[in-house]
Amino acid sequence: MRPSSSYVELPAGADPLLGIEAVWLSLANQPSNHRVLPDGRCDIILRFCASTVPISRISVVVTGPTTAYYDVAVEPGMGFAGIRLRPGFFQCILGFKPISLREQTLVDDVAISACPPLATLCAETDTPEALHDRLIGFVRSRVGQDHAPLSRQTRRILSAFHASSGRLPVQDIARMHGLSARTVQRIVLDATGLPPKSYARILQFHRAMRLLRDHRLSPSEAAVEAGYADQAHMTHALRRFGGLSPARLADATLVTLRD
């Protein structure tokens, strides 16, 4: 969940050993509908009113992996502090598999019922920065209690998907690592909550977005570089995963997806 165009990642918070891909902050200064793009990740989010001190009314939100975009209505003064989890760490930190939360979001009592320790994140505080520290401390305590680092095999499979930006078929990745396609499918599903083809298409979509917006490639060049059959194929993917077109990307919030 990325609820505002003011979304900013805090580089110091990332910690691959703890499964933290990014710590982020978003503050809304005007009413809007913010588009959330699928990224194959899960987030723990604290929603709060940024215009009051101390910050007392804090809601906890847990987002599961999605394969479709959706819009979130934000109002001025709303704040969001979040932590994005690396694939493979969700179950270790929250106690249940990401596939059980696919295309879903848990809020407040429902989230706390699924993982009771989340209630500790909602205590009153003075600054949004304190919420970042609280989120990191929560993850650290959970990984410390049930440390389950990714196996070497899982790391290698996920790295192969990222290195190819989703362009390699599952069968090719399986053959490269001396595994069956079914084993690769199981590894990716357990780590991300998504089937390998869905995960690969999301990675490919994000690469196309970066090529178009950040590297300023033409649509035809970006389509080739991202591994699509042609520009029409890429345009279809942009519309499916983001409700976007190559000419309308300026307002899209792209998150960092680490290997």
Protein backbone atom coordinates (compact mmCIF):
# COMPACT_ATOMS: atom_id res chain seq x y z
CA MET A 1 0.00 0.00 0.00
CA ARG A 2 1.43 3.37 -1.03
CA PRO A 3 -1.17 5.92 0.06
CA SER A 4 0.17 9.28 -1.16
CA SER A 5 2.10 10.97 -3.94
CA SER A 6 4.46 12.29 -1.21
CA TYR A 7 5.79 8.78 -0.69
CA VAL A 8 9.46 8.80 0.38
CA GLU A 9 11.72 5.86 1.19
CA LEU A 10 14.24 6.17 4.03
CA PRO A 11 17.44 4.41 2.89
CA ALA A 12 18.81 3.93 6.40
CA GLY A 13 15.90 1.64 7.31
CA ALA A 14 16.55 -1.10 4.74
CA ASP A 15 18.01 -4.27 6.24
CA PRO A 16 18.05 -7.44 4.11
CA LEU A 17 19.02 -9.62 7.08
CA LEU A 18 15.81 -8.63 8.83
CA GLY A 19 13.74 -8.88 5.67
CA ILE A 20 13.19 -5.11 5.48
CA GLU A 21 13.21 -3.96 1.87
CA ALA A 22 12.34 -0.36 2.69
CA VAL A 23 11.00 1.91 5.40
CA TRP A 24 8.78 4.64 3.98
CA LEU A 25 6.75 7.69 4.91
CA SER A 26 3.81 9.35 3.18
CA LEU A 27 2.07 12.58 4.21
CA ALA A 28 -0.99 13.93 2.40
CA ASN A 29 -1.35 17.69 1.92
CA GLN A 30 -4.37 17.62 -0.35
CA PRO A 31 -7.32 15.34 -1.03
CA SER A 32 -6.62 12.78 -3.72
CA ASN A 33 -7.11 9.24 -4.89
CA HIS A 34 -3.71 7.60 -4.78
CA ARG A 35 -3.10 4.69 -7.12
CA VAL A 36 -1.43 1.66 -5.58
CA LEU A 37 0.48 -0.50 -8.05
CA PRO A 38 1.01 -4.23 -7.54
CA ASP A 39 4.61 -4.99 -6.53
CA GLY A 40 4.55 -8.58 -5.25
CA ARG A 41 5.31 -7.41 -1.70
CA CYS A 42 3.59 -7.16 1.68
CA ASP A 43 3.66 -4.06 3.90
CA ILE A 44 2.99 -3.28 7.55
CA ILE A 45 1.58 0.25 7.73
CA LEU A 46 0.71 2.64 10.54
CA ARG A 47 -1.94 5.17 9.53
CA PHE A 48 -2.20 8.33 11.63
CA CYS A 49 -3.26 11.98 11.76
CA ALA A 50 -0.10 14.00 11.08
CA SER A 51 -1.66 17.30 12.18
CA THR A 52 -1.99 16.41 15.87
CA VAL A 53 0.67 16.04 18.55
CA PRO A 54 1.01 13.69 20.26
CA ILE A 55 0.06 11.16 17.60
CA SER A 56 -2.55 9.07 19.36
CA ARG A 57 -5.04 7.59 16.91
CA ILE A 58 -2.86 5.07 15.09
CA SER A 59 -4.31 2.32 12.90
CA VAL A 60 -2.37 -0.75 11.82
CA VAL A 61 -2.75 -2.11 8.29
CA VAL A 62 -1.22 -5.23 6.73
CA THR A 63 -1.35 -5.51 2.95
CA GLY A 64 -1.00 -8.77 1.10
CA PRO A 65 0.47 -9.38 -2.35
CA THR A 66 -1.74 -8.12 -5.16
CA THR A 67 -1.89 -8.58 -8.91
CA ALA A 68 -4.05 -5.54 -9.68
CA TYR A 69 -3.92 -1.82 -8.98
CA TYR A 70 -6.39 -0.05 -6.71
CA ASP A 71 -7.04 3.51 -5.56
CA VAL A 72 -6.88 4.80 -1.98
CA ALA A 73 -8.69 7.99 -0.97
CA VAL A 74 -6.47 10.28 1.14
CA GLU A 75 -7.37 13.49 2.95
CA PRO A 76 -5.12 16.39 4.02
CA GLY A 77 -3.28 15.63 7.24
CA MET A 78 -3.32 11.86 6.82
CA GLY A 79 0.03 10.19 7.43
CA PHE A 80 1.34 6.72 6.71
CA ALA A 81 4.52 5.13 8.04
CA GLY A 82 5.29 1.78 6.51
CA ILE A 83 7.74 -1.03 6.21
CA ARG A 84 7.96 -3.20 3.09
CA LEU A 85 8.95 -6.82 3.65
CA ARG A 86 11.27 -8.73 1.36
CA PRO A 87 9.88 -11.91 -0.22
CA GLY A 88 10.33 -14.91 2.05
CA PHE A 89 10.12 -13.05 5.37
CA PHE A 90 6.39 -12.46 5.70
CA GLN A 91 5.55 -15.71 7.50
CA CYS A 92 8.52 -15.40 9.84
CA ILE A 93 7.45 -11.91 10.91
CA LEU A 94 3.66 -12.17 10.93
CA GLY A 95 3.11 -15.87 11.55
CA PHE A 96 1.07 -16.82 8.50
CA LYS A 97 1.76 -17.36 4.81
CA PRO A 98 1.47 -14.48 2.34
CA ILE A 99 -0.77 -16.55 0.08
CA SER A 100 -3.44 -16.43 2.80
CA LEU A 101 -3.53 -12.63 2.37
CA ARG A 102 -3.38 -12.53 -1.42
CA GLU A 103 -5.46 -9.64 -2.82
CA GLN A 104 -6.47 -8.69 0.74
CA THR A 105 -5.77 -6.03 3.37
CA LEU A 106 -6.14 -6.47 7.13
CA VAL A 107 -6.99 -3.39 9.21
CA ASP A 108 -6.92 -2.73 12.98
CA ASP A 109 -8.73 -5.45 14.98
CA VAL A 110 -8.68 -7.90 12.08
CA ALA A 111 -4.92 -7.43 11.63
CA ILE A 112 -4.29 -7.69 15.38
CA SER A 113 -6.42 -10.83 15.57
CA ALA A 114 -4.25 -12.41 12.87
CA CYS A 115 -1.02 -11.30 14.62
CA PRO A 116 -1.65 -10.07 18.22
CA PRO A 117 1.82 -8.47 18.71
CA LEU A 118 0.82 -5.84 16.10
CA ALA A 119 -1.16 -4.14 18.88
CA THR A 120 2.10 -2.83 20.34
CA LEU A 121 2.57 -0.64 17.25
CA CYS A 122 -0.47 1.52 18.01
CA ALA A 123 0.71 3.22 21.23
CA GLU A 124 0.81 7.03 21.35
CA THR A 125 3.97 8.76 20.15
CA ASP A 126 5.27 12.24 19.34
CA THR A 127 6.71 12.00 15.82
CA PRO A 128 6.37 9.94 12.63
CA GLU A 129 10.08 9.09 12.98
CA ALA A 130 9.26 7.25 16.18
CA LEU A 131 6.83 5.11 14.22
CA HIS A 132 9.63 4.09 11.85
CA ASP A 133 11.77 3.01 14.80
CA ARG A 134 8.82 1.13 16.24
CA LEU A 135 8.22 -0.77 13.00
CA ILE A 136 11.89 -1.71 12.70
CA GLY A 137 11.94 -2.82 16.33
CA PHE A 138 8.85 -4.94 15.76
CA VAL A 139 10.43 -6.72 12.80
CA ARG A 140 13.70 -7.19 14.67
CA SER A 141 11.91 -8.77 17.62
CA ARG A 142 9.92 -11.12 15.41
CA VAL A 143 12.88 -12.28 13.35
CA GLY A 144 14.86 -12.70 16.56
CA GLN A 145 12.16 -14.91 18.06
CA ASP A 146 11.81 -17.15 15.03
CA HIS A 147 14.84 -16.56 12.86
CA ALA A 148 14.21 -18.24 9.53
CA PRO A 149 16.60 -16.79 6.95
CA LEU A 150 15.94 -17.62 3.35
CA SER A 151 17.54 -20.80 2.17
CA ARG A 152 20.30 -20.47 -0.39
CA GLN A 153 18.04 -22.13 -2.93
CA THR A 154 15.20 -19.66 -2.36
CA ARG A 155 17.59 -16.70 -2.59
CA ARG A 156 18.99 -17.96 -5.87
CA ILE A 157 15.54 -18.53 -7.40
CA LEU A 158 14.22 -15.11 -6.38
CA SER A 159 17.45 -13.47 -7.60
CA ALA A 160 17.00 -15.14 -10.99
CA PHE A 161 13.51 -13.67 -11.33
CA HIS A 162 14.82 -10.21 -10.45
CA ALA A 163 17.95 -10.43 -12.59
CA SER A 164 15.82 -11.17 -15.64
CA SER A 165 13.09 -8.70 -14.57
CA GLY A 166 10.59 -11.47 -15.06
CA ARG A 167 11.62 -12.18 -18.64
CA LEU A 168 12.84 -15.77 -18.16
CA PRO A 169 10.23 -18.56 -18.23
CA VAL A 170 9.88 -20.70 -15.11
CA GLN A 171 11.17 -23.71 -17.03
CA ASP A 172 14.41 -21.90 -17.90
CA ILE A 173 15.00 -20.80 -14.31
CA ALA A 174 14.32 -24.35 -13.11
CA ARG A 175 16.78 -25.78 -15.62
CA MET A 176 19.46 -23.23 -14.67
CA HIS A 177 19.28 -24.37 -11.05
CA GLY A 178 18.82 -28.10 -11.62
CA LEU A 179 15.26 -28.09 -10.28
CA SER A 180 11.86 -29.08 -11.55
CA ALA A 181 9.43 -26.37 -12.64
CA ARG A 182 7.08 -27.53 -9.89
CA THR A 183 9.78 -26.93 -7.24
CA VAL A 184 10.39 -23.41 -8.54
CA GLN A 185 6.66 -22.76 -8.49
CA ARG A 186 6.45 -23.89 -4.87
CA ILE A 187 9.44 -21.76 -3.80
CA VAL A 188 8.05 -18.59 -5.38
CA LEU A 189 4.52 -19.18 -4.09
CA ASP A 190 5.76 -19.76 -0.53
CA ALA A 191 8.02 -16.69 -0.61
CA THR A 192 5.72 -14.20 -2.32
CA GLY A 193 2.19 -15.55 -2.11
CA LEU A 194 1.94 -15.30 -5.89
CA PRO A 195 2.31 -17.85 -8.71
CA PRO A 196 5.64 -17.46 -10.55
CA LYS A 197 4.02 -16.17 -13.75
CA SER A 198 2.15 -13.44 -11.86
CA TYR A 199 5.28 -12.46 -9.95
CA ALA A 200 7.35 -12.37 -13.15
CA ARG A 201 4.80 -10.20 -14.96
CA ILE A 202 4.76 -7.71 -12.08
CA LEU A 203 8.57 -7.45 -12.15
CA GLN A 204 8.47 -6.98 -15.91
CA PHE A 205 5.80 -4.27 -15.53
CA HIS A 206 7.96 -2.37 -13.02
CA ARG A 207 10.98 -2.59 -15.32
CA ALA A 208 8.95 -1.17 -18.20
CA MET A 209 7.77 1.69 -15.97
CA ARG A 210 11.34 2.52 -14.94
CA LEU A 211 12.56 2.44 -18.52
CA LEU A 212 9.79 4.77 -19.67
CA ARG A 213 9.77 7.24 -16.79
CA ASP A 214 13.27 7.24 -15.31
CA HIS A 215 15.38 6.32 -18.35
CA ARG A 216 13.08 8.11 -20.80
CA LEU A 217 13.16 5.40 -23.42
CA SER A 218 10.60 5.58 -26.19
CA PRO A 219 7.67 3.14 -25.85
CA SER A 220 9.03 0.93 -28.62
CA GLU A 221 12.52 0.87 -27.06
CA ALA A 222 11.15 0.19 -23.59
CA ALA A 223 9.01 -2.67 -24.87
CA VAL A 224 12.04 -4.40 -26.39
CA GLU A 225 14.27 -3.77 -23.37
CA ALA A 226 11.60 -5.02 -20.93
CA GLY A 227 11.11 -8.20 -22.94
CA TYR A 228 7.63 -7.63 -24.35
CA ALA A 229 6.70 -8.96 -27.79
CA ASP A 230 6.00 -5.43 -29.02
CA GLN A 231 4.80 -2.01 -27.90
CA ALA A 232 1.15 -3.08 -27.93
CA HIS A 233 1.98 -5.96 -25.58
CA MET A 234 3.68 -3.56 -23.15
CA THR A 235 0.82 -1.05 -23.37
CA HIS A 236 -1.61 -3.83 -22.48
CA ALA A 237 0.49 -4.69 -19.39
CA LEU A 238 0.64 -1.03 -18.30
CA ARG A 239 -3.13 -0.81 -18.56
CA ARG A 240 -3.69 -4.10 -16.76
CA PHE A 241 -1.33 -3.60 -13.83
CA GLY A 242 -1.52 0.18 -13.47
CA GLY A 243 -4.47 1.55 -15.39
CA LEU A 244 -1.82 3.60 -17.21
CA SER A 245 -0.48 4.27 -20.67
CA PRO A 246 3.07 5.11 -21.86
CA ALA A 247 1.99 8.76 -22.09
CA ARG A 248 0.52 8.94 -18.57
CA LEU A 249 3.09 7.86 -15.98
CA ALA A 250 4.06 11.08 -14.19
CA ASP A 251 1.88 10.56 -11.12
CA ALA A 252 2.65 6.87 -10.63
CA THR A 253 4.54 6.02 -7.45
CA LEU A 254 7.25 3.44 -8.14
CA VAL A 255 8.73 1.66 -5.13
CA THR A 256 12.17 0.13 -4.86
CA LEU A 257 12.16 -3.62 -5.52
CA ARG A 258 15.44 -5.10 -4.36
CA ASP A 259 16.97 -8.39 -5.45
